[in-house]
Amino acid sequence: QQSGDALVVWGESSADLRYRVWSGSWSGEQPIASPVGDIPRWTAVAPD
């Protein structure tokens, strides 16, 4: 809400969660450190 950058989050076919940031250009794809231990079924995001 302050910077206007976009955060994109998705799950892989393993327990990995990944993200990228758009701030005029794309950041590299990064993992989200996750103790989830199971395959993500759904993800949801909401800004403050």
ModelCIF file with pLDDT and N, C-alpha, C, O atoms, coordinates in Angstrom:
data_MODEL
#
_entry.id   MODEL 
#
_entity.id                         1 
_entity.type                       polymer 
_entity.pdbx_number_of_molecules   1 
#
_entity_poly.entity_id                      1 
_entity_poly.type                           'polypeptide(L)' 
_entity_poly.nstd_linkage                   no 
_entity_poly.nstd_monomer                   no 
_entity_poly.pdbx_seq_one_letter_code       QQSGDALVVWGESSADLRYRVWSGSWSGEQPIASPVGDIPRWTAVAPD 
_entity_poly.pdbx_seq_one_letter_code_can   QQSGDALVVWGESSADLRYRVWSGSWSGEQPIASPVGDIPRWTAVAPD 
_entity_poly.pdbx_strand_id                 A 
#
loop_
_entity_poly_seq.entity_id 
_entity_poly_seq.num 
_entity_poly_seq.mon_id 
_entity_poly_seq.hetero 
1 1  GLN n 
1 2  GLN n 
1 3  SER n 
1 4  GLY n 
1 5  ASP n 
1 6  ALA n 
1 7  LEU n 
1 8  VAL n 
1 9  VAL n 
1 10 TRP n 
1 11 GLY n 
1 12 GLU n 
1 13 SER n 
1 14 SER n 
1 15 ALA n 
1 16 ASP n 
1 17 LEU n 
1 18 ARG n 
1 19 TYR n 
1 20 ARG n 
1 21 VAL n 
1 22 TRP n 
1 23 SER n 
1 24 GLY n 
1 25 SER n 
1 26 TRP n 
1 27 SER n 
1 28 GLY n 
1 29 GLU n 
1 30 GLN n 
1 31 PRO n 
1 32 ILE n 
1 33 ALA n 
1 34 SER n 
1 35 PRO n 
1 36 VAL n 
1 37 GLY n 
1 38 ASP n 
1 39 ILE n 
1 40 PRO n 
1 41 ARG n 
1 42 TRP n 
1 43 THR n 
1 44 ALA n 
1 45 VAL n 
1 46 ALA n 
1 47 PRO n 
1 48 ASP n 
#
_struct_asym.id          A 
_struct_asym.entity_id   1 
#
loop_
_ma_qa_metric.id 
_ma_qa_metric.mode 
_ma_qa_metric.name 
_ma_qa_metric.software_group_id 
_ma_qa_metric.type 
1 global pLDDT . pLDDT 
2 local  pLDDT . pLDDT 
#
_ma_qa_metric_global.metric_id      1 
_ma_qa_metric_global.metric_value   86.15 
_ma_qa_metric_global.model_id       1 
_ma_qa_metric_global.ordinal_id     1 
#
loop_
_ma_qa_metric_local.label_asym_id 
_ma_qa_metric_local.label_comp_id 
_ma_qa_metric_local.label_seq_id 
_ma_qa_metric_local.metric_id 
_ma_qa_metric_local.metric_value 
_ma_qa_metric_local.model_id 
_ma_qa_metric_local.ordinal_id 
A GLN 1  2 95.00 1 1  
A GLN 2  2 95.00 1 2  
A SER 3  2 96.00 1 3  
A GLY 4  2 94.00 1 4  
A ASP 5  2 97.00 1 5  
A ALA 6  2 97.00 1 6  
A LEU 7  2 96.00 1 7  
A VAL 8  2 96.00 1 8  
A VAL 9  2 93.00 1 9  
A TRP 10 2 87.00 1 10 
A GLY 11 2 78.00 1 11 
A GLU 12 2 71.00 1 12 
A SER 13 2 67.00 1 13 
A SER 14 2 70.00 1 14 
A ALA 15 2 68.00 1 15 
A ASP 16 2 77.00 1 16 
A LEU 17 2 84.00 1 17 
A ARG 18 2 89.00 1 18 
A TYR 19 2 94.00 1 19 
A ARG 20 2 96.00 1 20 
A VAL 21 2 97.00 1 21 
A TRP 22 2 97.00 1 22 
A SER 23 2 96.00 1 23 
A GLY 24 2 95.00 1 24 
A SER 25 2 96.00 1 25 
A TRP 26 2 96.00 1 26 
A SER 27 2 96.00 1 27 
A GLY 28 2 95.00 1 28 
A GLU 29 2 94.00 1 29 
A GLN 30 2 93.00 1 30 
A PRO 31 2 88.00 1 31 
A ILE 32 2 84.00 1 32 
A ALA 33 2 68.00 1 33 
A SER 34 2 64.00 1 34 
A PRO 35 2 62.00 1 35 
A VAL 36 2 61.00 1 36 
A GLY 37 2 67.00 1 37 
A ASP 38 2 73.00 1 38 
A ILE 39 2 77.00 1 39 
A PRO 40 2 79.00 1 40 
A ARG 41 2 79.00 1 41 
A TRP 42 2 82.00 1 42 
A THR 43 2 87.00 1 43 
A ALA 44 2 90.00 1 44 
A VAL 45 2 94.00 1 45 
A ALA 46 2 94.00 1 46 
A PRO 47 2 96.00 1 47 
A ASP 48 2 95.00 1 48 
#
loop_
_atom_site.group_PDB 
_atom_site.id 
_atom_site.type_symbol 
_atom_site.label_atom_id 
_atom_site.label_alt_id 
_atom_site.label_comp_id 
_atom_site.label_asym_id 
_atom_site.label_entity_id 
_atom_site.label_seq_id 
_atom_site.pdbx_PDB_ins_code 
_atom_site.Cartn_x 
_atom_site.Cartn_y 
_atom_site.Cartn_z 
_atom_site.occupancy 
_atom_site.B_iso_or_equiv 
_atom_site.pdbx_formal_charge 
_atom_site.auth_seq_id 
_atom_site.auth_comp_id 
_atom_site.auth_asym_id 
_atom_site.auth_atom_id 
_atom_site.pdbx_PDB_model_num 
ATOM 1   N N  . GLN A 1 1  ? 0.783  -1.223  0.000   1.00 95.00 ? 1  GLN A N  1 
ATOM 2   C CA . GLN A 1 1  ? 0.000  0.000   0.000   1.00 95.00 ? 1  GLN A CA 1 
ATOM 3   C C  . GLN A 1 1  ? 0.819  1.278   0.000   1.00 95.00 ? 1  GLN A C  1 
ATOM 4   O O  . GLN A 1 1  ? 0.321  2.311   -0.446  1.00 95.00 ? 1  GLN A O  1 
ATOM 5   N N  . GLN A 1 2  ? 2.054  1.250   0.482   1.00 95.00 ? 2  GLN A N  1 
ATOM 6   C CA . GLN A 1 2  ? 2.900  2.444   0.499   1.00 95.00 ? 2  GLN A CA 1 
ATOM 7   C C  . GLN A 1 2  ? 3.777  2.531   -0.750  1.00 95.00 ? 2  GLN A C  1 
ATOM 8   O O  . GLN A 1 2  ? 3.803  3.566   -1.416  1.00 95.00 ? 2  GLN A O  1 
ATOM 9   N N  . SER A 1 3  ? 4.491  1.456   -1.070  1.00 96.00 ? 3  SER A N  1 
ATOM 10  C CA . SER A 1 3  ? 5.439  1.482   -2.193  1.00 96.00 ? 3  SER A CA 1 
ATOM 11  C C  . SER A 1 3  ? 4.756  1.255   -3.535  1.00 96.00 ? 3  SER A C  1 
ATOM 12  O O  . SER A 1 3  ? 5.235  1.728   -4.565  1.00 96.00 ? 3  SER A O  1 
ATOM 13  N N  . GLY A 1 4  ? 3.640  0.533   -3.529  1.00 94.00 ? 4  GLY A N  1 
ATOM 14  C CA . GLY A 1 4  ? 2.973  0.171   -4.778  1.00 94.00 ? 4  GLY A CA 1 
ATOM 15  C C  . GLY A 1 4  ? 3.570  -1.048  -5.451  1.00 94.00 ? 4  GLY A C  1 
ATOM 16  O O  . GLY A 1 4  ? 3.092  -1.462  -6.506  1.00 94.00 ? 4  GLY A O  1 
ATOM 17  N N  . ASP A 1 5  ? 4.620  -1.642  -4.856  1.00 97.00 ? 5  ASP A N  1 
ATOM 18  C CA . ASP A 1 5  ? 5.196  -2.867  -5.414  1.00 97.00 ? 5  ASP A CA 1 
ATOM 19  C C  . ASP A 1 5  ? 4.178  -3.998  -5.306  1.00 97.00 ? 5  ASP A C  1 
ATOM 20  O O  . ASP A 1 5  ? 3.345  -4.011  -4.401  1.00 97.00 ? 5  ASP A O  1 
ATOM 21  N N  . ALA A 1 6  ? 4.254  -4.938  -6.230  1.00 97.00 ? 6  ALA A N  1 
ATOM 22  C CA . ALA A 1 6  ? 3.345  -6.089  -6.231  1.00 97.00 ? 6  ALA A CA 1 
ATOM 23  C C  . ALA A 1 6  ? 4.094  -7.320  -5.745  1.00 97.00 ? 6  ALA A C  1 
ATOM 24  O O  . ALA A 1 6  ? 5.256  -7.531  -6.093  1.00 97.00 ? 6  ALA A O  1 
ATOM 25  N N  . LEU A 1 7  ? 3.423  -8.124  -4.942  1.00 96.00 ? 7  LEU A N  1 
ATOM 26  C CA . LEU A 1 7  ? 3.967  -9.384  -4.448  1.00 96.00 ? 7  LEU A CA 1 
ATOM 27  C C  . LEU A 1 7  ? 3.121  -10.506 -5.035  1.00 96.00 ? 7  LEU A C  1 
ATOM 28  O O  . LEU A 1 7  ? 1.903  -10.536 -4.862  1.00 96.00 ? 7  LEU A O  1 
ATOM 29  N N  . VAL A 1 8  ? 3.780  -11.424 -5.728  1.00 96.00 ? 8  VAL A N  1 
ATOM 30  C CA . VAL A 1 8  ? 3.101  -12.577 -6.333  1.00 96.00 ? 8  VAL A CA 1 
ATOM 31  C C  . VAL A 1 8  ? 3.559  -13.822 -5.592  1.00 96.00 ? 8  VAL A C  1 
ATOM 32  O O  . VAL A 1 8  ? 4.759  -14.043 -5.432  1.00 96.00 ? 8  VAL A O  1 
ATOM 33  N N  . VAL A 1 9  ? 2.611  -14.641 -5.136  1.00 93.00 ? 9  VAL A N  1 
ATOM 34  C CA . VAL A 1 9  ? 2.898  -15.844 -4.353  1.00 93.00 ? 9  VAL A CA 1 
ATOM 35  C C  . VAL A 1 9  ? 2.202  -17.032 -4.982  1.00 93.00 ? 9  VAL A C  1 
ATOM 36  O O  . VAL A 1 9  ? 1.063  -16.921 -5.435  1.00 93.00 ? 9  VAL A O  1 
ATOM 37  N N  . TRP A 1 10 ? 2.892  -18.191 -5.011  1.00 87.00 ? 10 TRP A N  1 
ATOM 38  C CA . TRP A 1 10 ? 2.269  -19.407 -5.533  1.00 87.00 ? 10 TRP A CA 1 
ATOM 39  C C  . TRP A 1 10 ? 2.873  -20.629 -4.864  1.00 87.00 ? 10 TRP A C  1 
ATOM 40  O O  . TRP A 1 10 ? 3.959  -20.563 -4.289  1.00 87.00 ? 10 TRP A O  1 
ATOM 41  N N  . GLY A 1 11 ? 2.164  -21.738 -4.944  1.00 78.00 ? 11 GLY A N  1 
ATOM 42  C CA . GLY A 1 11 ? 2.656  -23.008 -4.435  1.00 78.00 ? 11 GLY A CA 1 
ATOM 43  C C  . GLY A 1 11 ? 3.119  -23.871 -5.589  1.00 78.00 ? 11 GLY A C  1 
ATOM 44  O O  . GLY A 1 11 ? 2.636  -23.743 -6.715  1.00 78.00 ? 11 GLY A O  1 
ATOM 45  N N  . GLU A 1 12 ? 4.047  -24.738 -5.299  1.00 71.00 ? 12 GLU A N  1 
ATOM 46  C CA . GLU A 1 12 ? 4.557  -25.693 -6.284  1.00 71.00 ? 12 GLU A CA 1 
ATOM 47  C C  . GLU A 1 12 ? 3.896  -27.050 -6.027  1.00 71.00 ? 12 GLU A C  1 
ATOM 48  O O  . GLU A 1 12 ? 3.053  -27.172 -5.139  1.00 71.00 ? 12 GLU A O  1 
ATOM 49  N N  . SER A 1 13 ? 4.274  -28.057 -6.795  1.00 67.00 ? 13 SER A N  1 
ATOM 50  C CA . SER A 1 13 ? 3.705  -29.386 -6.618  1.00 67.00 ? 13 SER A CA 1 
ATOM 51  C C  . SER A 1 13 ? 4.386  -30.145 -5.477  1.00 67.00 ? 13 SER A C  1 
ATOM 52  O O  . SER A 1 13 ? 4.136  -31.334 -5.277  1.00 67.00 ? 13 SER A O  1 
ATOM 53  N N  . SER A 1 14 ? 5.232  -29.462 -4.746  1.00 70.00 ? 14 SER A N  1 
ATOM 54  C CA . SER A 1 14 ? 5.828  -30.007 -3.534  1.00 70.00 ? 14 SER A CA 1 
ATOM 55  C C  . SER A 1 14 ? 5.403  -29.077 -2.401  1.00 70.00 ? 14 SER A C  1 
ATOM 56  O O  . SER A 1 14 ? 4.475  -28.287 -2.575  1.00 70.00 ? 14 SER A O  1 
ATOM 57  N N  . ALA A 1 15 ? 6.046  -29.151 -1.270  1.00 68.00 ? 15 ALA A N  1 
ATOM 58  C CA . ALA A 1 15 ? 5.683  -28.283 -0.150  1.00 68.00 ? 15 ALA A CA 1 
ATOM 59  C C  . ALA A 1 15 ? 6.262  -26.875 -0.297  1.00 68.00 ? 15 ALA A C  1 
ATOM 60  O O  . ALA A 1 15 ? 6.156  -26.068 0.626   1.00 68.00 ? 15 ALA A O  1 
ATOM 61  N N  . ASP A 1 16 ? 6.874  -26.571 -1.448  1.00 77.00 ? 16 ASP A N  1 
ATOM 62  C CA . ASP A 1 16 ? 7.504  -25.269 -1.642  1.00 77.00 ? 16 ASP A CA 1 
ATOM 63  C C  . ASP A 1 16 ? 6.491  -24.175 -1.942  1.00 77.00 ? 16 ASP A C  1 
ATOM 64  O O  . ASP A 1 16 ? 5.545  -24.372 -2.705  1.00 77.00 ? 16 ASP A O  1 
ATOM 65  N N  . LEU A 1 17 ? 6.707  -23.029 -1.332  1.00 84.00 ? 17 LEU A N  1 
ATOM 66  C CA . LEU A 1 17 ? 6.002  -21.808 -1.672  1.00 84.00 ? 17 LEU A CA 1 
ATOM 67  C C  . LEU A 1 17 ? 7.033  -20.881 -2.294  1.00 84.00 ? 17 LEU A C  1 
ATOM 68  O O  . LEU A 1 17 ? 8.181  -20.848 -1.851  1.00 84.00 ? 17 LEU A O  1 
ATOM 69  N N  . ARG A 1 18 ? 6.637  -20.126 -3.317  1.00 89.00 ? 18 ARG A N  1 
ATOM 70  C CA . ARG A 1 18 ? 7.560  -19.256 -4.050  1.00 89.00 ? 18 ARG A CA 1 
ATOM 71  C C  . ARG A 1 18 ? 6.952  -17.864 -4.155  1.00 89.00 ? 18 ARG A C  1 
ATOM 72  O O  . ARG A 1 18 ? 5.742  -17.688 -4.016  1.00 89.00 ? 18 ARG A O  1 
ATOM 73  N N  . TYR A 1 19 ? 7.817  -16.869 -4.406  1.00 94.00 ? 19 TYR A N  1 
ATOM 74  C CA . TYR A 1 19 ? 7.315  -15.508 -4.616  1.00 94.00 ? 19 TYR A CA 1 
ATOM 75  C C  . TYR A 1 19 ? 8.255  -14.719 -5.512  1.00 94.00 ? 19 TYR A C  1 
ATOM 76  O O  . TYR A 1 19 ? 9.424  -15.061 -5.693  1.00 94.00 ? 19 TYR A O  1 
ATOM 77  N N  . ARG A 1 20 ? 7.694  -13.643 -6.067  1.00 96.00 ? 20 ARG A N  1 
ATOM 78  C CA . ARG A 1 20 ? 8.446  -12.643 -6.827  1.00 96.00 ? 20 ARG A CA 1 
ATOM 79  C C  . ARG A 1 20 ? 7.844  -11.283 -6.512  1.00 96.00 ? 20 ARG A C  1 
ATOM 80  O O  . ARG A 1 20 ? 6.677  -11.182 -6.134  1.00 96.00 ? 20 ARG A O  1 
ATOM 81  N N  . VAL A 1 21 ? 8.649  -10.239 -6.671  1.00 97.00 ? 21 VAL A N  1 
ATOM 82  C CA . VAL A 1 21 ? 8.196  -8.876  -6.438  1.00 97.00 ? 21 VAL A CA 1 
ATOM 83  C C  . VAL A 1 21 ? 8.314  -8.098  -7.742  1.00 97.00 ? 21 VAL A C  1 
ATOM 84  O O  . VAL A 1 21 ? 9.317  -8.202  -8.448  1.00 97.00 ? 21 VAL A O  1 
ATOM 85  N N  . TRP A 1 22 ? 7.275  -7.314  -8.059  1.00 97.00 ? 22 TRP A N  1 
ATOM 86  C CA . TRP A 1 22 ? 7.307  -6.401  -9.196  1.00 97.00 ? 22 TRP A CA 1 
ATOM 87  C C  . TRP A 1 22 ? 7.458  -4.985  -8.661  1.00 97.00 ? 22 TRP A C  1 
ATOM 88  O O  . TRP A 1 22 ? 6.592  -4.492  -7.938  1.00 97.00 ? 22 TRP A O  1 
ATOM 89  N N  . SER A 1 23 ? 8.567  -4.327  -9.022  1.00 96.00 ? 23 SER A N  1 
ATOM 90  C CA . SER A 1 23 ? 8.796  -2.935  -8.622  1.00 96.00 ? 23 SER A CA 1 
ATOM 91  C C  . SER A 1 23 ? 9.271  -2.138  -9.837  1.00 96.00 ? 23 SER A C  1 
ATOM 92  O O  . SER A 1 23 ? 10.194 -1.329  -9.746  1.00 96.00 ? 23 SER A O  1 
ATOM 93  N N  . GLY A 1 24 ? 8.625  -2.383  -10.969 1.00 95.00 ? 24 GLY A N  1 
ATOM 94  C CA . GLY A 1 24 ? 9.055  -1.802  -12.232 1.00 95.00 ? 24 GLY A CA 1 
ATOM 95  C C  . GLY A 1 24 ? 9.753  -2.833  -13.083 1.00 95.00 ? 24 GLY A C  1 
ATOM 96  O O  . GLY A 1 24 ? 9.799  -2.712  -14.307 1.00 95.00 ? 24 GLY A O  1 
ATOM 97  N N  . SER A 1 25 ? 10.301 -3.855  -12.435 1.00 96.00 ? 25 SER A N  1 
ATOM 98  C CA . SER A 1 25 ? 10.852 -5.042  -13.083 1.00 96.00 ? 25 SER A CA 1 
ATOM 99  C C  . SER A 1 25 ? 10.722 -6.185  -12.078 1.00 96.00 ? 25 SER A C  1 
ATOM 100 O O  . SER A 1 25 ? 10.532 -5.956  -10.883 1.00 96.00 ? 25 SER A O  1 
ATOM 101 N N  . TRP A 1 26 ? 10.825 -7.405  -12.571 1.00 96.00 ? 26 TRP A N  1 
ATOM 102 C CA . TRP A 1 26 ? 10.653 -8.576  -11.715 1.00 96.00 ? 26 TRP A CA 1 
ATOM 103 C C  . TRP A 1 26 ? 11.909 -8.894  -10.922 1.00 96.00 ? 26 TRP A C  1 
ATOM 104 O O  . TRP A 1 26 ? 13.018 -8.859  -11.455 1.00 96.00 ? 26 TRP A O  1 
ATOM 105 N N  . SER A 1 27 ? 11.727 -9.204  -9.649  1.00 96.00 ? 27 SER A N  1 
ATOM 106 C CA . SER A 1 27 ? 12.824 -9.766  -8.860  1.00 96.00 ? 27 SER A CA 1 
ATOM 107 C C  . SER A 1 27 ? 12.978 -11.225 -9.279  1.00 96.00 ? 27 SER A C  1 
ATOM 108 O O  . SER A 1 27 ? 12.123 -11.767 -9.980  1.00 96.00 ? 27 SER A O  1 
ATOM 109 N N  . GLY A 1 28 ? 14.051 -11.850 -8.857  1.00 95.00 ? 28 GLY A N  1 
ATOM 110 C CA . GLY A 1 28 ? 14.204 -13.276 -9.104  1.00 95.00 ? 28 GLY A CA 1 
ATOM 111 C C  . GLY A 1 28 ? 13.194 -14.071 -8.288  1.00 95.00 ? 28 GLY A C  1 
ATOM 112 O O  . GLY A 1 28 ? 12.723 -13.609 -7.248  1.00 95.00 ? 28 GLY A O  1 
ATOM 113 N N  . GLU A 1 29 ? 12.871 -15.242 -8.753  1.00 94.00 ? 29 GLU A N  1 
ATOM 114 C CA . GLU A 1 29 ? 11.981 -16.150 -8.024  1.00 94.00 ? 29 GLU A CA 1 
ATOM 115 C C  . GLU A 1 29 ? 12.673 -16.601 -6.748  1.00 94.00 ? 29 GLU A C  1 
ATOM 116 O O  . GLU A 1 29 ? 13.840 -16.993 -6.779  1.00 94.00 ? 29 GLU A O  1 
ATOM 117 N N  . GLN A 1 30 ? 11.961 -16.549 -5.623  1.00 93.00 ? 30 GLN A N  1 
ATOM 118 C CA . GLN A 1 30 ? 12.532 -16.895 -4.329  1.00 93.00 ? 30 GLN A CA 1 
ATOM 119 C C  . GLN A 1 30 ? 11.631 -17.881 -3.587  1.00 93.00 ? 30 GLN A C  1 
ATOM 120 O O  . GLN A 1 30 ? 10.414 -17.860 -3.773  1.00 93.00 ? 30 GLN A O  1 
ATOM 121 N N  . PRO A 1 31 ? 12.212 -18.743 -2.749  1.00 88.00 ? 31 PRO A N  1 
ATOM 122 C CA . PRO A 1 31 ? 11.396 -19.620 -1.905  1.00 88.00 ? 31 PRO A CA 1 
ATOM 123 C C  . PRO A 1 31 ? 10.959 -18.881 -0.640  1.00 88.00 ? 31 PRO A C  1 
ATOM 124 O O  . PRO A 1 31 ? 11.636 -17.964 -0.176  1.00 88.00 ? 31 PRO A O  1 
ATOM 125 N N  . ILE A 1 32 ? 9.838  -19.291 -0.102  1.00 84.00 ? 32 ILE A N  1 
ATOM 126 C CA . ILE A 1 32 ? 9.404  -18.812 1.207   1.00 84.00 ? 32 ILE A CA 1 
ATOM 127 C C  . ILE A 1 32 ? 9.745  -19.924 2.191   1.00 84.00 ? 32 ILE A C  1 
ATOM 128 O O  . ILE A 1 32 ? 9.262  -21.048 2.050   1.00 84.00 ? 32 ILE A O  1 
ATOM 129 N N  . ALA A 1 33 ? 10.567 -19.621 3.181   1.00 68.00 ? 33 ALA A N  1 
ATOM 130 C CA . ALA A 1 33 ? 10.940 -20.635 4.169   1.00 68.00 ? 33 ALA A CA 1 
ATOM 131 C C  . ALA A 1 33 ? 9.664  -21.171 4.793   1.00 68.00 ? 33 ALA A C  1 
ATOM 132 O O  . ALA A 1 33 ? 8.867  -20.404 5.334   1.00 68.00 ? 33 ALA A O  1 
ATOM 133 N N  . SER A 1 34 ? 9.464  -22.473 4.722   1.00 64.00 ? 34 SER A N  1 
ATOM 134 C CA . SER A 1 34 ? 8.168  -23.024 5.081   1.00 64.00 ? 34 SER A CA 1 
ATOM 135 C C  . SER A 1 34 ? 8.260  -24.333 5.845   1.00 64.00 ? 34 SER A C  1 
ATOM 136 O O  . SER A 1 34 ? 8.851  -25.299 5.362   1.00 64.00 ? 34 SER A O  1 
ATOM 137 N N  . PRO A 1 35 ? 7.674  -24.368 7.044   1.00 62.00 ? 35 PRO A N  1 
ATOM 138 C CA . PRO A 1 35 ? 7.555  -25.634 7.745   1.00 62.00 ? 35 PRO A CA 1 
ATOM 139 C C  . PRO A 1 35 ? 6.242  -26.333 7.413   1.00 62.00 ? 35 PRO A C  1 
ATOM 140 O O  . PRO A 1 35 ? 5.837  -27.260 8.113   1.00 62.00 ? 35 PRO A O  1 
ATOM 141 N N  . VAL A 1 36 ? 5.574  -25.891 6.344   1.00 61.00 ? 36 VAL A N  1 
ATOM 142 C CA . VAL A 1 36 ? 4.257  -26.419 6.009   1.00 61.00 ? 36 VAL A CA 1 
ATOM 143 C C  . VAL A 1 36 ? 4.288  -27.942 5.928   1.00 61.00 ? 36 VAL A C  1 
ATOM 144 O O  . VAL A 1 36 ? 3.397  -28.596 6.468   1.00 61.00 ? 36 VAL A O  1 
ATOM 145 N N  . GLY A 1 37 ? 5.287  -28.523 5.268   1.00 67.00 ? 37 GLY A N  1 
ATOM 146 C CA . GLY A 1 37 ? 5.447  -29.965 5.246   1.00 67.00 ? 37 GLY A CA 1 
ATOM 147 C C  . GLY A 1 37 ? 4.410  -30.717 4.448   1.00 67.00 ? 37 GLY A C  1 
ATOM 148 O O  . GLY A 1 37 ? 4.359  -31.945 4.519   1.00 67.00 ? 37 GLY A O  1 
ATOM 149 N N  . ASP A 1 38 ? 3.595  -30.034 3.701   1.00 73.00 ? 38 ASP A N  1 
ATOM 150 C CA . ASP A 1 38 ? 2.563  -30.662 2.893   1.00 73.00 ? 38 ASP A CA 1 
ATOM 151 C C  . ASP A 1 38 ? 2.389  -29.803 1.642   1.00 73.00 ? 38 ASP A C  1 
ATOM 152 O O  . ASP A 1 38 ? 2.794  -28.641 1.628   1.00 73.00 ? 38 ASP A O  1 
ATOM 153 N N  . ILE A 1 39 ? 1.801  -30.354 0.614   1.00 77.00 ? 39 ILE A N  1 
ATOM 154 C CA . ILE A 1 39 ? 1.610  -29.610 -0.633  1.00 77.00 ? 39 ILE A CA 1 
ATOM 155 C C  . ILE A 1 39 ? 0.568  -28.508 -0.427  1.00 77.00 ? 39 ILE A C  1 
ATOM 156 O O  . ILE A 1 39 ? -0.533 -28.787 0.048   1.00 77.00 ? 39 ILE A O  1 
ATOM 157 N N  . PRO A 1 40 ? 0.898  -27.257 -0.777  1.00 79.00 ? 40 PRO A N  1 
ATOM 158 C CA . PRO A 1 40 ? -0.083 -26.183 -0.662  1.00 79.00 ? 40 PRO A CA 1 
ATOM 159 C C  . PRO A 1 40 ? -1.287 -26.463 -1.566  1.00 79.00 ? 40 PRO A C  1 
ATOM 160 O O  . PRO A 1 40 ? -1.128 -26.798 -2.740  1.00 79.00 ? 40 PRO A O  1 
ATOM 161 N N  . ARG A 1 41 ? -2.467 -26.324 -1.017  1.00 79.00 ? 41 ARG A N  1 
ATOM 162 C CA . ARG A 1 41 ? -3.697 -26.511 -1.790  1.00 79.00 ? 41 ARG A CA 1 
ATOM 163 C C  . ARG A 1 41 ? -4.168 -25.164 -2.321  1.00 79.00 ? 41 ARG A C  1 
ATOM 164 O O  . ARG A 1 41 ? -4.426 -25.015 -3.515  1.00 79.00 ? 41 ARG A O  1 
ATOM 165 N N  . TRP A 1 42 ? -4.276 -24.198 -1.439  1.00 82.00 ? 42 TRP A N  1 
ATOM 166 C CA . TRP A 1 42 ? -4.670 -22.849 -1.816  1.00 82.00 ? 42 TRP A CA 1 
ATOM 167 C C  . TRP A 1 42 ? -3.817 -21.849 -1.070  1.00 82.00 ? 42 TRP A C  1 
ATOM 168 O O  . TRP A 1 42 ? -3.380 -22.095 0.054   1.00 82.00 ? 42 TRP A O  1 
ATOM 169 N N  . THR A 1 43 ? -3.586 -20.719 -1.711  1.00 87.00 ? 43 THR A N  1 
ATOM 170 C CA . THR A 1 43 ? -2.939 -19.590 -1.052  1.00 87.00 ? 43 THR A CA 1 
ATOM 171 C C  . THR A 1 43 ? -3.846 -18.382 -1.189  1.00 87.00 ? 43 THR A C  1 
ATOM 172 O O  . THR A 1 43 ? -4.602 -18.268 -2.154  1.00 87.00 ? 43 THR A O  1 
ATOM 173 N N  . ALA A 1 44 ? -3.768 -17.494 -0.233  1.00 90.00 ? 44 ALA A N  1 
ATOM 174 C CA . ALA A 1 44 ? -4.507 -16.233 -0.283  1.00 90.00 ? 44 ALA A CA 1 
ATOM 175 C C  . ALA A 1 44 ? -3.608 -15.151 0.284   1.00 90.00 ? 44 ALA A C  1 
ATOM 176 O O  . ALA A 1 44 ? -2.854 -15.402 1.225   1.00 90.00 ? 44 ALA A O  1 
ATOM 177 N N  . VAL A 1 45 ? -3.676 -13.948 -0.277  1.00 94.00 ? 45 VAL A N  1 
ATOM 178 C CA . VAL A 1 45 ? -2.898 -12.816 0.219   1.00 94.00 ? 45 VAL A CA 1 
ATOM 179 C C  . VAL A 1 45 ? -3.820 -11.628 0.433   1.00 94.00 ? 45 VAL A C  1 
ATOM 180 O O  . VAL A 1 45 ? -4.846 -11.491 -0.234  1.00 94.00 ? 45 VAL A O  1 
ATOM 181 N N  . ALA A 1 46 ? -3.436 -10.763 1.382   1.00 94.00 ? 46 ALA A N  1 
ATOM 182 C CA . ALA A 1 46 ? -4.196 -9.543  1.650   1.00 94.00 ? 46 ALA A CA 1 
ATOM 183 C C  . ALA A 1 46 ? -3.238 -8.471  2.136   1.00 94.00 ? 46 ALA A C  1 
ATOM 184 O O  . ALA A 1 46 ? -2.407 -8.733  3.006   1.00 94.00 ? 46 ALA A O  1 
ATOM 185 N N  . PRO A 1 47 ? -3.341 -7.253  1.581   1.00 96.00 ? 47 PRO A N  1 
ATOM 186 C CA . PRO A 1 47 ? -2.458 -6.172  2.031   1.00 96.00 ? 47 PRO A CA 1 
ATOM 187 C C  . PRO A 1 47 ? -2.993 -5.511  3.295   1.00 96.00 ? 47 PRO A C  1 
ATOM 188 O O  . PRO A 1 47 ? -4.202 -5.435  3.513   1.00 96.00 ? 47 PRO A O  1 
ATOM 189 N N  . ASP A 1 48 ? -2.065 -5.035  4.123   1.00 95.00 ? 48 ASP A N  1 
ATOM 190 C CA . ASP A 1 48 ? -2.416 -4.173  5.250   1.00 95.00 ? 48 ASP A CA 1 
ATOM 191 C C  . ASP A 1 48 ? -2.694 -2.805  4.636   1.00 95.00 ? 48 ASP A C  1 
ATOM 192 O O  . ASP A 1 48 ? -3.018 -1.860  5.355   1.00 95.00 ? 48 ASP A O  1 
#
